[in-house]
Amino acid sequence: MDYKKTQEGRTVAAKYGDILHLSRPEPSCRHPRMPVENRAKIFSPFAALRGYEEEIAEEGWKRTRVPKKLLPEEDAEHISEILSRIKKGSRITAVYFKEDTLHPATPPLGTYETVTGTVVRIEPEFRKLRISDGETETDIGFNELGAVDLNNSFD
């Protein structure tokens, strides 16, 4: 059925007939049309829930945490032997345990990080090692080391 032929259609046509078929009016100079590029910004996505993305990231971080592994005696001796050969300026790759200090747990939970760089400082009396990758310096306790390699190639 055609809307124009219904009772409601005829009423609307009678009421608004003088403006029904006019072209769309141009805006006044006080209110110019917005460019298409700017209109797109109006409809861009936004964060409806504040902090939601951070919460999701934190949940992901919690799920990737692992307990700290106890090294077998031969691995600990191997790391100790390599540490005795390391000097300031040596280029090494180290895998170390980074504990999650925001969410402490027993046993300690965290992630294993890998850093490759130059030894800036080695302090046997404090059992610490500082490695620079050119951008950041990382302090690592000897007890946190999981693996160390002087040739940058783990087997």
N, C-alpha and C. Protein backbone atom coordinates (compact mmCIF):
# COMPACT_ATOMS: atom_id res chain seq x y z
N MET A 1 0.84 -1.17 0.00
CA MET A 1 0.00 0.00 0.00
C MET A 1 0.89 1.24 0.00
N ASP A 2 0.54 2.23 -0.75
CA ASP A 2 1.28 3.47 -0.89
C ASP A 2 0.92 4.40 0.27
N TYR A 3 1.91 4.92 0.95
CA TYR A 3 1.70 5.78 2.11
C TYR A 3 0.93 7.05 1.75
N LYS A 4 1.22 7.59 0.57
CA LYS A 4 0.56 8.84 0.15
C LYS A 4 -0.96 8.68 0.02
N LYS A 5 -1.40 7.45 -0.23
CA LYS A 5 -2.84 7.23 -0.43
C LYS A 5 -3.57 6.88 0.86
N THR A 6 -2.85 6.73 1.96
CA THR A 6 -3.52 6.45 3.23
C THR A 6 -4.05 7.74 3.83
N GLN A 7 -4.92 7.60 4.81
CA GLN A 7 -5.49 8.77 5.48
C GLN A 7 -4.38 9.61 6.13
N GLU A 8 -3.42 8.93 6.78
CA GLU A 8 -2.33 9.64 7.45
C GLU A 8 -1.45 10.34 6.43
N GLY A 9 -1.16 9.68 5.32
CA GLY A 9 -0.34 10.29 4.27
C GLY A 9 -0.98 11.54 3.68
N ARG A 10 -2.30 11.49 3.46
CA ARG A 10 -3.00 12.66 2.93
C ARG A 10 -2.98 13.80 3.93
N THR A 11 -3.11 13.48 5.24
CA THR A 11 -3.08 14.51 6.28
C THR A 11 -1.71 15.19 6.32
N VAL A 12 -0.64 14.40 6.26
CA VAL A 12 0.73 14.95 6.27
C VAL A 12 0.95 15.80 5.04
N ALA A 13 0.51 15.33 3.88
CA ALA A 13 0.68 16.08 2.63
C ALA A 13 -0.07 17.40 2.68
N ALA A 14 -1.28 17.40 3.28
CA ALA A 14 -2.05 18.64 3.38
C ALA A 14 -1.39 19.61 4.35
N LYS A 15 -0.86 19.08 5.44
CA LYS A 15 -0.28 19.91 6.48
C LYS A 15 1.07 20.51 6.06
N TYR A 16 1.92 19.69 5.43
CA TYR A 16 3.28 20.12 5.09
C TYR A 16 3.52 20.16 3.58
N GLY A 17 2.49 20.23 2.81
CA GLY A 17 2.61 20.21 1.35
C GLY A 17 3.47 21.32 0.77
N ASP A 18 3.46 22.49 1.40
CA ASP A 18 4.23 23.61 0.86
C ASP A 18 5.74 23.42 1.01
N ILE A 19 6.21 22.62 1.98
CA ILE A 19 7.65 22.43 2.17
C ILE A 19 8.11 21.01 1.90
N LEU A 20 7.18 20.13 1.60
CA LEU A 20 7.49 18.71 1.45
C LEU A 20 8.48 18.44 0.33
N HIS A 21 8.41 19.17 -0.77
CA HIS A 21 9.25 18.87 -1.93
C HIS A 21 10.36 19.88 -2.14
N LEU A 22 10.63 20.72 -1.15
CA LEU A 22 11.73 21.68 -1.27
C LEU A 22 13.08 20.98 -1.06
N SER A 23 14.16 21.57 -1.59
CA SER A 23 15.50 21.00 -1.39
C SER A 23 15.95 21.29 0.05
N ARG A 24 16.96 20.59 0.44
CA ARG A 24 17.49 20.73 1.80
C ARG A 24 18.08 22.13 1.96
N PRO A 25 17.77 22.81 3.04
CA PRO A 25 18.27 24.18 3.22
C PRO A 25 19.77 24.20 3.52
N GLU A 26 20.44 25.22 3.04
CA GLU A 26 21.86 25.42 3.34
C GLU A 26 21.97 26.11 4.69
N PRO A 27 22.97 25.74 5.48
CA PRO A 27 23.11 26.38 6.79
C PRO A 27 23.54 27.84 6.67
N SER A 28 23.27 28.58 7.69
CA SER A 28 23.66 30.00 7.67
C SER A 28 25.16 30.12 7.85
N CYS A 29 25.68 31.29 7.60
CA CYS A 29 27.13 31.48 7.75
C CYS A 29 27.55 31.40 9.22
N ARG A 30 26.61 31.59 10.13
CA ARG A 30 26.94 31.45 11.56
C ARG A 30 27.13 29.99 11.95
N HIS A 31 26.51 29.09 11.22
CA HIS A 31 26.61 27.66 11.51
C HIS A 31 26.97 26.91 10.22
N PRO A 32 28.21 27.02 9.76
CA PRO A 32 28.58 26.34 8.51
C PRO A 32 28.61 24.83 8.70
N ARG A 33 28.54 24.13 7.58
CA ARG A 33 28.59 22.66 7.62
C ARG A 33 29.97 22.20 8.06
N MET A 34 29.99 21.13 8.83
CA MET A 34 31.25 20.57 9.30
C MET A 34 31.89 19.74 8.18
N PRO A 35 33.21 19.88 7.97
CA PRO A 35 33.87 19.06 6.95
C PRO A 35 33.77 17.57 7.29
N VAL A 36 33.82 16.74 6.26
CA VAL A 36 33.67 15.30 6.43
C VAL A 36 34.76 14.75 7.36
N GLU A 37 36.00 15.26 7.26
CA GLU A 37 37.10 14.77 8.10
C GLU A 37 36.78 14.97 9.59
N ASN A 38 36.19 16.11 9.92
CA ASN A 38 35.85 16.38 11.32
C ASN A 38 34.62 15.60 11.77
N ARG A 39 33.72 15.32 10.85
CA ARG A 39 32.53 14.54 11.20
C ARG A 39 32.93 13.14 11.62
N ALA A 40 33.96 12.60 10.99
CA ALA A 40 34.41 11.25 11.33
C ALA A 40 34.88 11.18 12.78
N LYS A 41 35.47 12.26 13.28
CA LYS A 41 35.96 12.27 14.66
C LYS A 41 34.82 12.16 15.67
N ILE A 42 33.67 12.67 15.31
CA ILE A 42 32.52 12.62 16.21
C ILE A 42 32.13 11.17 16.50
N PHE A 43 32.27 10.33 15.50
CA PHE A 43 31.82 8.95 15.62
C PHE A 43 32.94 7.97 15.95
N SER A 44 34.11 8.48 16.35
CA SER A 44 35.22 7.59 16.69
C SER A 44 34.91 6.87 18.00
N PRO A 45 35.50 5.69 18.20
CA PRO A 45 35.21 4.93 19.42
C PRO A 45 35.78 5.65 20.65
N PHE A 46 35.20 5.38 21.78
CA PHE A 46 35.66 5.96 23.03
C PHE A 46 35.58 4.89 24.11
N ALA A 47 36.27 5.14 25.20
CA ALA A 47 36.25 4.19 26.32
C ALA A 47 35.01 4.45 27.16
N ALA A 48 34.05 3.56 27.06
CA ALA A 48 32.81 3.72 27.82
C ALA A 48 33.05 3.46 29.31
N LEU A 49 34.00 2.58 29.60
CA LEU A 49 34.30 2.25 30.99
C LEU A 49 35.72 2.71 31.31
N ARG A 50 35.85 3.64 32.21
CA ARG A 50 37.18 4.14 32.58
C ARG A 50 37.95 3.05 33.30
N GLY A 51 39.21 2.88 32.88
CA GLY A 51 40.08 1.91 33.52
C GLY A 51 39.89 0.49 33.05
N TYR A 52 38.96 0.26 32.12
CA TYR A 52 38.68 -1.11 31.67
C TYR A 52 39.91 -1.73 30.99
N GLU A 53 40.54 -0.96 30.09
CA GLU A 53 41.71 -1.48 29.37
C GLU A 53 42.84 -1.82 30.34
N GLU A 54 43.04 -0.98 31.37
CA GLU A 54 44.08 -1.24 32.36
C GLU A 54 43.77 -2.51 33.15
N GLU A 55 42.51 -2.70 33.49
CA GLU A 55 42.11 -3.90 34.23
C GLU A 55 42.36 -5.16 33.40
N ILE A 56 42.03 -5.10 32.13
CA ILE A 56 42.26 -6.24 31.24
C ILE A 56 43.75 -6.54 31.13
N ALA A 57 44.56 -5.49 30.99
CA ALA A 57 46.01 -5.67 30.89
C ALA A 57 46.56 -6.28 32.18
N GLU A 58 46.05 -5.82 33.32
CA GLU A 58 46.51 -6.35 34.60
C GLU A 58 46.12 -7.82 34.76
N GLU A 59 44.93 -8.18 34.33
CA GLU A 59 44.50 -9.58 34.40
C GLU A 59 45.40 -10.44 33.52
N GLY A 60 45.75 -9.94 32.34
CA GLY A 60 46.67 -10.67 31.46
C GLY A 60 48.03 -10.84 32.12
N TRP A 61 48.50 -9.78 32.80
CA TRP A 61 49.78 -9.84 33.50
C TRP A 61 49.73 -10.88 34.61
N LYS A 62 48.61 -10.93 35.34
CA LYS A 62 48.49 -11.91 36.43
C LYS A 62 48.52 -13.33 35.89
N ARG A 63 47.95 -13.53 34.73
CA ARG A 63 47.90 -14.89 34.16
C ARG A 63 49.25 -15.33 33.61
N THR A 64 50.12 -14.38 33.23
CA THR A 64 51.42 -14.76 32.68
C THR A 64 52.48 -14.92 33.77
N ARG A 65 52.12 -14.62 35.01
CA ARG A 65 53.09 -14.77 36.10
C ARG A 65 53.33 -16.25 36.37
N VAL A 66 54.58 -16.55 36.69
CA VAL A 66 54.96 -17.93 37.00
C VAL A 66 55.74 -17.91 38.31
N PRO A 67 55.75 -19.03 39.03
CA PRO A 67 56.56 -19.08 40.24
C PRO A 67 58.05 -19.14 39.90
N LYS A 68 58.87 -18.64 40.80
CA LYS A 68 60.32 -18.67 40.60
C LYS A 68 60.81 -20.11 40.69
N LYS A 69 61.62 -20.49 39.71
CA LYS A 69 62.14 -21.86 39.67
C LYS A 69 63.42 -21.97 40.50
N LEU A 70 63.58 -23.09 41.16
CA LEU A 70 64.83 -23.37 41.85
C LEU A 70 65.79 -24.01 40.84
N LEU A 71 66.98 -23.43 40.74
CA LEU A 71 67.95 -23.94 39.77
C LEU A 71 68.58 -25.23 40.27
N PRO A 72 68.79 -26.19 39.38
CA PRO A 72 69.55 -27.38 39.75
C PRO A 72 70.99 -26.98 40.10
N GLU A 73 71.66 -27.78 40.89
CA GLU A 73 73.01 -27.47 41.37
C GLU A 73 73.99 -27.24 40.22
N GLU A 74 73.92 -28.06 39.17
CA GLU A 74 74.87 -27.91 38.06
C GLU A 74 74.63 -26.60 37.29
N ASP A 75 73.37 -26.17 37.17
CA ASP A 75 73.08 -24.88 36.51
C ASP A 75 73.59 -23.71 37.35
N ALA A 76 73.41 -23.81 38.67
CA ALA A 76 73.90 -22.76 39.57
C ALA A 76 75.42 -22.66 39.50
N GLU A 77 76.10 -23.80 39.44
CA GLU A 77 77.56 -23.80 39.33
C GLU A 77 78.00 -23.21 37.99
N HIS A 78 77.28 -23.54 36.93
CA HIS A 78 77.60 -23.01 35.60
C HIS A 78 77.46 -21.48 35.59
N ILE A 79 76.38 -20.96 36.16
CA ILE A 79 76.17 -19.51 36.23
C ILE A 79 77.27 -18.87 37.07
N SER A 80 77.63 -19.50 38.19
CA SER A 80 78.68 -18.97 39.06
C SER A 80 80.01 -18.91 38.32
N GLU A 81 80.29 -19.93 37.53
CA GLU A 81 81.55 -19.98 36.77
C GLU A 81 81.58 -18.87 35.71
N ILE A 82 80.45 -18.64 35.04
CA ILE A 82 80.38 -17.57 34.04
C ILE A 82 80.50 -16.20 34.71
N LEU A 83 79.85 -16.03 35.86
CA LEU A 83 79.93 -14.75 36.58
C LEU A 83 81.36 -14.44 37.01
N SER A 84 82.13 -15.48 37.33
CA SER A 84 83.53 -15.24 37.73
C SER A 84 84.37 -14.76 36.55
N ARG A 85 83.95 -15.07 35.31
CA ARG A 85 84.70 -14.64 34.11
C ARG A 85 84.24 -13.29 33.57
N ILE A 86 83.08 -12.83 34.00
CA ILE A 86 82.53 -11.57 33.47
C ILE A 86 83.31 -10.39 34.02
N LYS A 87 83.62 -9.46 33.13
CA LYS A 87 84.28 -8.22 33.52
C LYS A 87 83.45 -7.05 33.02
N LYS A 88 83.72 -5.87 33.55
CA LYS A 88 83.04 -4.66 33.09
C LYS A 88 83.32 -4.49 31.60
N GLY A 89 82.27 -4.26 30.82
CA GLY A 89 82.40 -4.11 29.37
C GLY A 89 82.10 -5.38 28.59
N SER A 90 81.96 -6.53 29.30
CA SER A 90 81.62 -7.78 28.61
C SER A 90 80.21 -7.68 28.05
N ARG A 91 80.00 -8.30 26.90
CA ARG A 91 78.66 -8.34 26.30
C ARG A 91 78.05 -9.69 26.64
N ILE A 92 76.87 -9.65 27.29
CA ILE A 92 76.23 -10.89 27.74
C ILE A 92 74.73 -10.86 27.47
N THR A 93 74.15 -12.05 27.56
CA THR A 93 72.69 -12.21 27.56
C THR A 93 72.33 -12.90 28.87
N ALA A 94 71.36 -12.33 29.58
CA ALA A 94 70.96 -12.90 30.86
C ALA A 94 69.45 -13.09 30.90
N VAL A 95 69.04 -14.22 31.43
CA VAL A 95 67.63 -14.48 31.70
C VAL A 95 67.48 -14.40 33.22
N TYR A 96 66.55 -13.56 33.67
CA TYR A 96 66.40 -13.36 35.11
C TYR A 96 64.93 -13.31 35.48
N PHE A 97 64.67 -13.58 36.76
CA PHE A 97 63.31 -13.57 37.30
C PHE A 97 62.99 -12.17 37.79
N LYS A 98 61.90 -11.59 37.29
CA LYS A 98 61.45 -10.27 37.72
C LYS A 98 60.18 -10.47 38.53
N GLU A 99 60.30 -10.26 39.84
CA GLU A 99 59.17 -10.50 40.73
C GLU A 99 58.11 -9.41 40.59
N ASP A 100 56.85 -9.83 40.68
CA ASP A 100 55.73 -8.90 40.65
C ASP A 100 55.59 -8.29 42.04
N THR A 101 56.06 -7.04 42.19
CA THR A 101 56.03 -6.39 43.50
C THR A 101 54.67 -5.77 43.82
N LEU A 102 53.83 -5.57 42.80
CA LEU A 102 52.50 -5.00 43.04
C LEU A 102 51.55 -6.01 43.66
N HIS A 103 51.77 -7.29 43.35
CA HIS A 103 50.91 -8.35 43.87
C HIS A 103 51.79 -9.43 44.49
N PRO A 104 52.32 -9.19 45.69
CA PRO A 104 53.21 -10.18 46.31
C PRO A 104 52.48 -11.49 46.58
N ALA A 105 53.22 -12.57 46.45
CA ALA A 105 52.64 -13.89 46.68
C ALA A 105 53.71 -14.79 47.27
N THR A 106 53.29 -15.90 47.84
CA THR A 106 54.21 -16.91 48.35
C THR A 106 53.85 -18.22 47.70
N PRO A 107 54.72 -18.86 46.97
CA PRO A 107 56.06 -18.45 46.56
C PRO A 107 56.00 -17.25 45.62
N PRO A 108 57.14 -16.55 45.45
CA PRO A 108 57.14 -15.35 44.61
C PRO A 108 56.69 -15.65 43.18
N LEU A 109 55.84 -14.77 42.65
CA LEU A 109 55.38 -14.89 41.27
C LEU A 109 55.93 -13.73 40.47
N GLY A 110 56.17 -13.97 39.19
CA GLY A 110 56.69 -12.92 38.32
C GLY A 110 56.88 -13.46 36.92
N THR A 111 57.76 -12.83 36.18
CA THR A 111 58.05 -13.26 34.81
C THR A 111 59.55 -13.42 34.63
N TYR A 112 59.92 -14.23 33.65
CA TYR A 112 61.33 -14.36 33.29
C TYR A 112 61.60 -13.44 32.12
N GLU A 113 62.52 -12.50 32.32
CA GLU A 113 62.88 -11.51 31.31
C GLU A 113 64.25 -11.85 30.75
N THR A 114 64.48 -11.46 29.51
CA THR A 114 65.79 -11.64 28.87
C THR A 114 66.33 -10.27 28.51
N VAL A 115 67.59 -10.04 28.85
CA VAL A 115 68.24 -8.78 28.51
C VAL A 115 69.60 -9.09 27.90
N THR A 116 69.92 -8.40 26.80
CA THR A 116 71.21 -8.53 26.15
C THR A 116 71.85 -7.16 26.17
N GLY A 117 73.10 -7.11 26.62
CA GLY A 117 73.76 -5.81 26.67
C GLY A 117 75.17 -5.92 27.23
N THR A 118 75.69 -4.77 27.62
CA THR A 118 77.05 -4.65 28.12
C THR A 118 77.01 -4.55 29.64
N VAL A 119 77.94 -5.25 30.29
CA VAL A 119 78.02 -5.19 31.74
C VAL A 119 78.59 -3.83 32.14
N VAL A 120 77.80 -3.08 32.90
CA VAL A 120 78.22 -1.76 33.37
C VAL A 120 78.91 -1.89 34.72
N ARG A 121 78.39 -2.78 35.56
CA ARG A 121 78.96 -2.97 36.89
C ARG A 121 78.68 -4.39 37.35
N ILE A 122 79.66 -4.98 38.00
CA ILE A 122 79.46 -6.27 38.65
C ILE A 122 79.98 -6.14 40.07
N GLU A 123 79.13 -6.46 41.03
CA GLU A 123 79.45 -6.29 42.45
C GLU A 123 79.32 -7.63 43.16
N PRO A 124 80.40 -8.41 43.22
CA PRO A 124 80.32 -9.73 43.87
C PRO A 124 79.97 -9.64 45.36
N GLU A 125 80.43 -8.55 46.04
CA GLU A 125 80.14 -8.44 47.47
C GLU A 125 78.66 -8.17 47.74
N PHE A 126 77.98 -7.49 46.80
CA PHE A 126 76.54 -7.24 46.94
C PHE A 126 75.71 -8.22 46.11
N ARG A 127 76.40 -9.09 45.38
CA ARG A 127 75.77 -10.10 44.53
C ARG A 127 74.79 -9.46 43.56
N LYS A 128 75.29 -8.43 42.85
CA LYS A 128 74.47 -7.72 41.86
C LYS A 128 75.25 -7.52 40.57
N LEU A 129 74.47 -7.37 39.51
CA LEU A 129 75.00 -7.20 38.16
C LEU A 129 74.17 -6.11 37.50
N ARG A 130 74.82 -5.18 36.80
CA ARG A 130 74.09 -4.13 36.07
C ARG A 130 74.45 -4.26 34.59
N ILE A 131 73.39 -4.37 33.77
CA ILE A 131 73.56 -4.54 32.32
C ILE A 131 72.87 -3.38 31.61
N SER A 132 73.55 -2.81 30.62
CA SER A 132 72.97 -1.73 29.82
C SER A 132 72.75 -2.25 28.40
N ASP A 133 71.53 -2.05 27.89
CA ASP A 133 71.25 -2.44 26.50
C ASP A 133 71.35 -1.26 25.55
N GLY A 134 71.90 -0.15 26.04
CA GLY A 134 72.02 1.05 25.22
C GLY A 134 70.96 2.08 25.55
N GLU A 135 69.80 1.64 25.99
CA GLU A 135 68.71 2.55 26.36
C GLU A 135 68.46 2.56 27.86
N THR A 136 68.40 1.38 28.44
CA THR A 136 68.12 1.28 29.88
C THR A 136 69.16 0.41 30.55
N GLU A 137 69.31 0.65 31.85
CA GLU A 137 70.20 -0.19 32.65
C GLU A 137 69.34 -1.06 33.56
N THR A 138 69.70 -2.33 33.64
CA THR A 138 68.93 -3.29 34.43
C THR A 138 69.81 -3.83 35.54
N ASP A 139 69.35 -3.71 36.78
CA ASP A 139 70.05 -4.30 37.93
C ASP A 139 69.47 -5.68 38.18
N ILE A 140 70.35 -6.66 38.29
CA ILE A 140 69.92 -8.05 38.50
C ILE A 140 70.69 -8.63 39.67
N GLY A 141 69.97 -9.20 40.62
CA GLY A 141 70.62 -9.91 41.71
C GLY A 141 71.07 -11.28 41.24
N PHE A 142 72.19 -11.75 41.76
CA PHE A 142 72.69 -13.06 41.34
C PHE A 142 71.66 -14.16 41.59
N ASN A 143 70.88 -14.03 42.67
CA ASN A 143 69.87 -15.05 43.00
C ASN A 143 68.71 -15.07 42.01
N GLU A 144 68.55 -13.99 41.24
CA GLU A 144 67.45 -13.90 40.28
C GLU A 144 67.81 -14.48 38.92
N LEU A 145 69.10 -14.74 38.69
CA LEU A 145 69.54 -15.22 37.38
C LEU A 145 69.05 -16.64 37.11
N GLY A 146 68.55 -16.85 35.90
CA GLY A 146 68.13 -18.17 35.47
C GLY A 146 69.11 -18.76 34.48
N ALA A 147 69.77 -17.88 33.71
CA ALA A 147 70.77 -18.30 32.74
C ALA A 147 71.60 -17.08 32.35
N VAL A 148 72.87 -17.32 32.04
CA VAL A 148 73.78 -16.26 31.59
C VAL A 148 74.61 -16.84 30.47
N ASP A 149 74.85 -16.03 29.44
CA ASP A 149 75.68 -16.49 28.33
C ASP A 149 76.57 -15.35 27.86
N LEU A 150 77.84 -15.64 27.70
CA LEU A 150 78.80 -14.64 27.21
C LEU A 150 78.75 -14.49 25.70
N ASN A 151 78.33 -15.53 24.99
CA ASN A 151 78.34 -15.51 23.52
C ASN A 151 76.98 -15.15 22.93
N ASN A 152 76.00 -14.81 23.77
CA ASN A 152 74.65 -14.42 23.32
C ASN A 152 73.91 -15.52 22.57
N SER A 153 74.24 -16.77 22.84
CA SER A 153 73.51 -17.85 22.16
C SER A 153 73.23 -18.97 23.15
N PHE A 154 71.99 -19.08 23.56
CA PHE A 154 71.62 -20.16 24.47
C PHE A 154 71.45 -21.45 23.67
N ASP A 155 71.96 -22.54 24.24
CA ASP A 155 71.84 -23.84 23.56
C ASP A 155 70.58 -24.54 23.98
